[in-house]
Amino acid sequence: MSDDSGITGHTRGVVVTTICCLAGIAAGVVSAAYVGTDPVDAGETMAVIVMGVFLLVQYPLYKAIGVGDFGVKDNLYVAFMTFTLWFISYTVLLTSAVTL
């Protein structure tokens, strides 16, 4: 099961999962650094916008490495994984009173 880029199905899944998880963690760290980690900063919508930017930046990266032909299920997976890792990492940074 290999597409025209030479990447097998398993490798494609590992690459997509790794990139969206790392993008979610990076979005959480950038949200904490840009928005802040005070309790009042938890309600800022700018943190969600940062996560959205990290989500959108992934797609040109996927195209560049040859994994870019996504269906609805793939897009939902990338969005869910990016959001989940952003939410977890940003929540940990908010609740641990880290200053970045």
Protein backbone atom coordinates (compact mmCIF):
# COMPACT_ATOMS: atom_id res chain seq x y z
CA MET A 1 0.00 0.00 0.00
CA SER A 2 2.18 2.81 -1.29
CA ASP A 3 1.07 6.06 -2.88
CA ASP A 4 3.00 7.98 -5.55
CA SER A 5 5.34 9.62 -2.99
CA GLY A 6 6.82 6.27 -1.94
CA ILE A 7 5.51 6.49 1.63
CA THR A 8 3.73 3.39 2.93
CA GLY A 9 0.46 3.62 4.81
CA HIS A 10 2.06 2.94 8.18
CA THR A 11 4.85 5.46 7.67
CA ARG A 12 2.32 8.06 6.50
CA GLY A 13 0.29 7.53 9.68
CA VAL A 14 3.35 7.84 11.90
CA VAL A 15 4.49 11.01 10.13
CA VAL A 16 1.06 12.66 10.33
CA THR A 17 0.60 11.69 13.99
CA THR A 18 4.05 12.93 14.95
CA ILE A 19 3.69 16.27 13.19
CA CYS A 20 0.22 17.04 14.54
CA CYS A 21 1.19 16.05 18.09
CA LEU A 22 4.36 18.15 18.01
CA ALA A 23 2.41 21.04 16.49
CA GLY A 24 -0.14 20.81 19.31
CA ILE A 25 2.56 20.84 21.99
CA ALA A 26 4.35 23.74 20.28
CA ALA A 27 1.04 25.62 20.06
CA GLY A 28 0.53 25.11 23.80
CA VAL A 29 3.98 26.46 24.61
CA VAL A 30 3.58 29.42 22.24
CA SER A 31 0.13 30.14 23.68
CA ALA A 32 1.60 30.18 27.17
CA ALA A 33 4.47 32.42 26.10
CA TYR A 34 2.34 34.80 24.02
CA VAL A 35 -0.87 34.94 26.06
CA GLY A 36 0.50 34.16 29.51
CA THR A 37 -0.09 31.63 32.24
CA ASP A 38 -2.03 33.64 34.81
CA PRO A 39 -5.52 32.36 35.67
CA VAL A 40 -7.11 35.35 33.90
CA ASP A 41 -5.20 34.47 30.71
CA ALA A 42 -7.05 31.14 30.47
CA GLY A 43 -10.08 32.94 29.01
CA GLU A 44 -8.19 34.65 26.19
CA THR A 45 -9.30 33.65 22.72
CA MET A 46 -5.85 34.50 21.35
CA ALA A 47 -4.61 31.15 22.69
CA VAL A 48 -7.17 29.36 20.49
CA ILE A 49 -6.12 31.50 17.52
CA VAL A 50 -2.50 30.45 18.11
CA MET A 51 -3.62 26.82 18.05
CA GLY A 52 -5.54 27.46 14.81
CA VAL A 53 -2.46 28.96 13.19
CA PHE A 54 -0.41 25.91 14.14
CA LEU A 55 -3.17 23.72 12.69
CA LEU A 56 -3.21 25.56 9.37
CA VAL A 57 0.59 25.68 9.05
CA GLN A 58 0.73 21.88 9.07
CA TYR A 59 -0.97 21.43 5.70
CA PRO A 60 1.75 23.07 3.55
CA LEU A 61 4.26 21.02 5.53
CA TYR A 62 2.38 17.82 4.72
CA LYS A 63 2.30 18.79 1.02
CA ALA A 64 6.04 19.51 1.07
CA ILE A 65 6.92 16.08 2.43
CA GLY A 66 4.50 14.31 0.11
CA VAL A 67 1.73 13.32 2.52
CA GLY A 68 -0.78 15.96 1.50
CA ASP A 69 -3.79 14.17 -0.02
CA PHE A 70 -6.22 14.21 2.92
CA GLY A 71 -9.85 13.22 3.13
CA VAL A 72 -12.42 14.35 5.68
CA LYS A 73 -11.40 11.67 8.18
CA ASP A 74 -7.72 12.67 7.93
CA ASN A 75 -8.53 16.36 8.40
CA LEU A 76 -10.65 15.61 11.46
CA TYR A 77 -7.86 13.46 12.88
CA VAL A 78 -5.23 16.19 12.41
CA ALA A 79 -7.51 18.83 13.94
CA PHE A 80 -8.46 16.60 16.89
CA MET A 81 -4.90 15.56 17.69
CA THR A 82 -3.54 19.10 17.37
CA PHE A 83 -6.32 20.49 19.56
CA THR A 84 -5.95 17.74 22.16
CA LEU A 85 -2.19 18.12 22.55
CA TRP A 86 -2.53 21.92 22.61
CA PHE A 87 -5.23 21.68 25.28
CA ILE A 88 -3.22 19.30 27.46
CA SER A 89 0.07 21.17 27.21
CA TYR A 90 -1.48 24.62 27.66
CA THR A 91 -3.53 23.39 30.63
CA VAL A 92 -0.45 21.93 32.30
CA LEU A 93 1.40 25.22 31.80
CA LEU A 94 -1.56 27.23 33.13
CA THR A 95 -2.03 25.11 36.25
CA SER A 96 1.65 24.81 37.14
CA ALA A 97 2.22 28.59 37.25
CA VAL A 98 5.12 28.44 34.81
CA THR A 99 6.43 31.74 33.49
CA LEU A 100 7.77 31.75 29.94
